Amino acid sequence: MKKKLTTVEFRGTAEQEAELLAVIEKHRDTEGALMPILQEAQGIYGYLPVEVMKIIAEKTDHPLEEVFGVASFYSQFSLNPKGEVAVAVCLGTACYVKGSGQILDKIVEVLGVPAGSTSPDGYYSVDATRCIGACGLAPVMTVNGEVYGRLVPSDVEGILAQYAKH
């Protein structure tokens, strides 16, 4: 699944930027430091917004395209913030063969948030994940880390209703 950026407003702080600049300085003379810089930057911000990738590119003399290419290639990096309600569907083999693709489609339909994205208000995020280790409950989804298993598409609306804004 190709990663893409969403339109969630960047809310970085001066303290976070100072911490990022310290990380970049710490790795300044290290060959191949882009990966650890990106990892630590994601730890600071929770994801890698384009504003952060621009700072990294500028301060490390890497083209922005290269920084974005690395961040979008590796599954450990997120280009979007997690929503207040983070929904994930396992697309590992056991879940997939038992219908997790249809579960994901139903979530996207109900929330109106494409997989791999966050709603513009930052409330919901939807992700497709690899195996989460709950194969005996396949297919599974998680909402803020809580596992829901043995799902059929008609289960999705009721589960998500528990997390709706009130």
Protein backbone atom coordinates (compact mmCIF):
# COMPACT_ATOMS: atom_id res chain seq x y z
CA MET A 1 0.00 0.00 0.00
CA LYS A 2 1.47 3.34 -1.05
CA LYS A 3 1.81 5.90 1.71
CA LYS A 4 0.43 9.37 1.22
CA LEU A 5 0.26 12.60 3.12
CA THR A 6 -3.01 13.90 4.50
CA THR A 7 -4.15 17.44 5.10
CA VAL A 8 -4.01 17.36 8.91
CA GLU A 9 -2.61 20.66 10.18
CA PHE A 10 0.96 20.45 11.50
CA ARG A 11 1.13 21.36 15.18
CA GLY A 12 4.82 21.10 16.01
CA THR A 13 6.21 23.10 18.90
CA ALA A 14 9.42 25.10 19.29
CA GLU A 15 10.54 22.53 21.86
CA GLN A 16 10.07 19.69 19.38
CA GLU A 17 12.02 21.55 16.73
CA ALA A 18 14.87 22.20 19.17
CA GLU A 19 14.90 18.49 20.03
CA LEU A 20 14.95 17.60 16.31
CA LEU A 21 17.85 19.97 15.65
CA ALA A 22 19.76 18.38 18.54
CA VAL A 23 19.17 14.93 17.03
CA ILE A 24 20.44 16.10 13.64
CA GLU A 25 23.50 17.66 15.26
CA LYS A 26 24.19 14.45 17.23
CA HIS A 27 24.30 12.47 13.96
CA ARG A 28 25.97 15.18 11.85
CA ASP A 29 29.23 13.30 11.20
CA THR A 30 27.75 9.79 11.06
CA GLU A 31 27.67 8.05 7.69
CA GLY A 32 24.20 6.76 6.83
CA ALA A 33 22.55 8.78 9.61
CA LEU A 34 19.31 9.47 7.75
CA MET A 35 17.55 6.37 9.15
CA PRO A 36 18.35 7.06 12.83
CA ILE A 37 17.47 10.75 12.36
CA LEU A 38 14.09 9.80 10.87
CA GLN A 39 13.49 7.25 13.65
CA GLU A 40 14.24 9.78 16.37
CA ALA A 41 12.22 12.48 14.58
CA GLN A 42 9.21 10.16 14.51
CA GLY A 43 9.74 9.56 18.23
CA ILE A 44 9.60 13.32 18.81
CA TYR A 45 6.55 14.08 16.67
CA GLY A 46 4.76 10.70 16.57
CA TYR A 47 4.94 10.73 12.77
CA LEU A 48 6.96 12.38 9.98
CA PRO A 49 5.14 15.44 8.66
CA VAL A 50 6.49 17.12 5.53
CA GLU A 51 7.54 20.13 7.63
CA VAL A 52 9.86 17.88 9.64
CA MET A 53 11.21 16.15 6.53
CA LYS A 54 12.03 19.60 5.07
CA ILE A 55 14.07 20.50 8.17
CA ILE A 56 15.89 17.16 8.02
CA ALA A 57 16.62 17.62 4.31
CA GLU A 58 17.89 21.15 4.78
CA LYS A 59 20.05 20.43 7.82
CA THR A 60 21.56 17.18 6.48
CA ASP A 61 22.08 18.34 2.88
CA HIS A 62 19.89 15.51 1.57
CA PRO A 63 17.34 16.31 -1.15
CA LEU A 64 13.78 16.40 0.21
CA GLU A 65 12.90 13.72 -2.35
CA GLU A 66 15.44 11.36 -0.80
CA VAL A 67 14.20 12.00 2.75
CA PHE A 68 10.60 11.47 1.63
CA GLY A 69 11.63 8.38 -0.34
CA VAL A 70 13.16 6.74 2.72
CA ALA A 71 10.26 7.75 4.99
CA SER A 72 7.65 6.46 2.55
CA PHE A 73 9.50 3.22 1.72
CA TYR A 74 9.92 1.76 5.22
CA SER A 75 6.78 0.57 6.99
CA GLN A 76 8.15 1.66 10.38
CA PHE A 77 7.58 5.28 9.41
CA SER A 78 4.22 7.03 9.45
CA LEU A 79 3.60 10.11 7.30
CA ASN A 80 0.34 10.83 9.07
CA PRO A 81 -0.46 11.43 12.72
CA LYS A 82 -2.48 8.78 14.48
CA GLY A 83 -6.01 9.89 15.14
CA GLU A 84 -7.54 10.21 18.56
CA VAL A 85 -9.30 7.02 17.49
CA ALA A 86 -6.69 4.85 15.74
CA VAL A 87 -8.30 2.02 13.76
CA ALA A 88 -6.15 -0.71 12.24
CA VAL A 89 -7.00 -3.86 10.30
CA CYS A 90 -4.67 -6.82 10.10
CA LEU A 91 -3.98 -7.85 6.53
CA GLY A 92 -1.68 -10.70 7.51
CA THR A 93 -2.29 -14.01 5.75
CA ALA A 94 -4.68 -15.61 8.26
CA CYS A 95 -6.79 -12.46 8.54
CA TYR A 96 -6.71 -11.74 4.83
CA VAL A 97 -7.93 -15.18 3.79
CA LYS A 98 -10.76 -14.88 6.33
CA GLY A 99 -11.97 -11.56 4.91
CA SER A 100 -10.05 -8.70 6.49
CA GLY A 101 -10.01 -6.89 3.13
CA GLN A 102 -13.80 -6.58 3.37
CA ILE A 103 -13.49 -5.40 6.99
CA LEU A 104 -11.11 -2.66 5.87
CA ASP A 105 -13.44 -1.66 3.03
CA LYS A 106 -16.34 -1.37 5.48
CA ILE A 107 -14.28 0.79 7.89
CA VAL A 108 -13.33 3.13 5.04
CA GLU A 109 -16.97 3.31 3.98
CA VAL A 110 -18.27 4.01 7.51
CA LEU A 111 -15.63 6.57 8.51
CA GLY A 112 -14.99 8.12 5.11
CA VAL A 113 -11.26 7.96 5.82
CA PRO A 114 -9.06 6.15 3.28
CA ALA A 115 -6.71 3.46 4.56
CA GLY A 116 -3.35 4.94 5.46
CA SER A 117 -4.90 8.31 6.26
CA THR A 118 -6.16 10.48 9.08
CA SER A 119 -9.40 12.46 8.99
CA PRO A 120 -8.85 16.20 8.47
CA ASP A 121 -10.00 16.91 12.05
CA GLY A 122 -7.45 14.40 13.39
CA TYR A 123 -10.13 12.31 15.11
CA TYR A 124 -9.86 9.05 13.13
CA SER A 125 -6.92 7.31 11.51
CA VAL A 126 -7.24 4.11 9.50
CA ASP A 127 -4.34 1.77 8.82
CA ALA A 128 -3.80 -1.62 7.26
CA THR A 129 -1.22 -3.55 9.27
CA ARG A 130 0.78 -6.69 9.01
CA CYS A 131 0.17 -9.62 11.36
CA ILE A 132 -0.61 -8.54 14.91
CA GLY A 133 -0.30 -12.06 16.33
CA ALA A 134 -4.00 -12.74 16.88
CA CYS A 135 -4.36 -15.26 14.06
CA GLY A 136 -6.74 -17.46 16.07
CA LEU A 137 -9.21 -14.56 16.11
CA ALA A 138 -8.93 -13.80 12.38
CA PRO A 139 -9.99 -11.50 10.92
CA VAL A 140 -9.12 -8.80 13.45
CA MET A 141 -9.12 -5.06 13.79
CA THR A 142 -7.86 -2.88 16.62
CA VAL A 143 -9.20 0.40 17.89
CA ASN A 144 -6.75 2.28 20.11
CA GLY A 145 -5.03 -1.04 20.74
CA GLU A 146 -8.16 -2.98 21.72
CA VAL A 147 -8.50 -6.15 19.61
CA TYR A 148 -11.78 -7.12 17.99
CA GLY A 149 -11.79 -10.58 16.39
CA ARG A 150 -13.76 -13.05 14.33
CA LEU A 151 -15.29 -10.13 12.47
CA VAL A 152 -17.68 -9.89 9.58
CA PRO A 153 -18.32 -6.59 7.79
CA SER A 154 -21.67 -6.12 9.56
CA ASP A 155 -19.79 -5.94 12.92
CA VAL A 156 -17.85 -2.83 11.95
CA GLU A 157 -20.52 -0.16 12.36
CA GLY A 158 -21.39 -1.24 15.90
CA ILE A 159 -17.76 -1.33 16.98
CA LEU A 160 -17.00 2.09 15.53
CA ALA A 161 -20.18 3.58 17.03
CA GLN A 162 -18.57 3.08 20.46
CA TYR A 163 -15.85 5.54 19.46
CA ALA A 164 -17.99 8.16 17.69
CA LYS A 165 -17.75 11.78 18.77
CA HIS A 166 -20.53 12.62 21.19
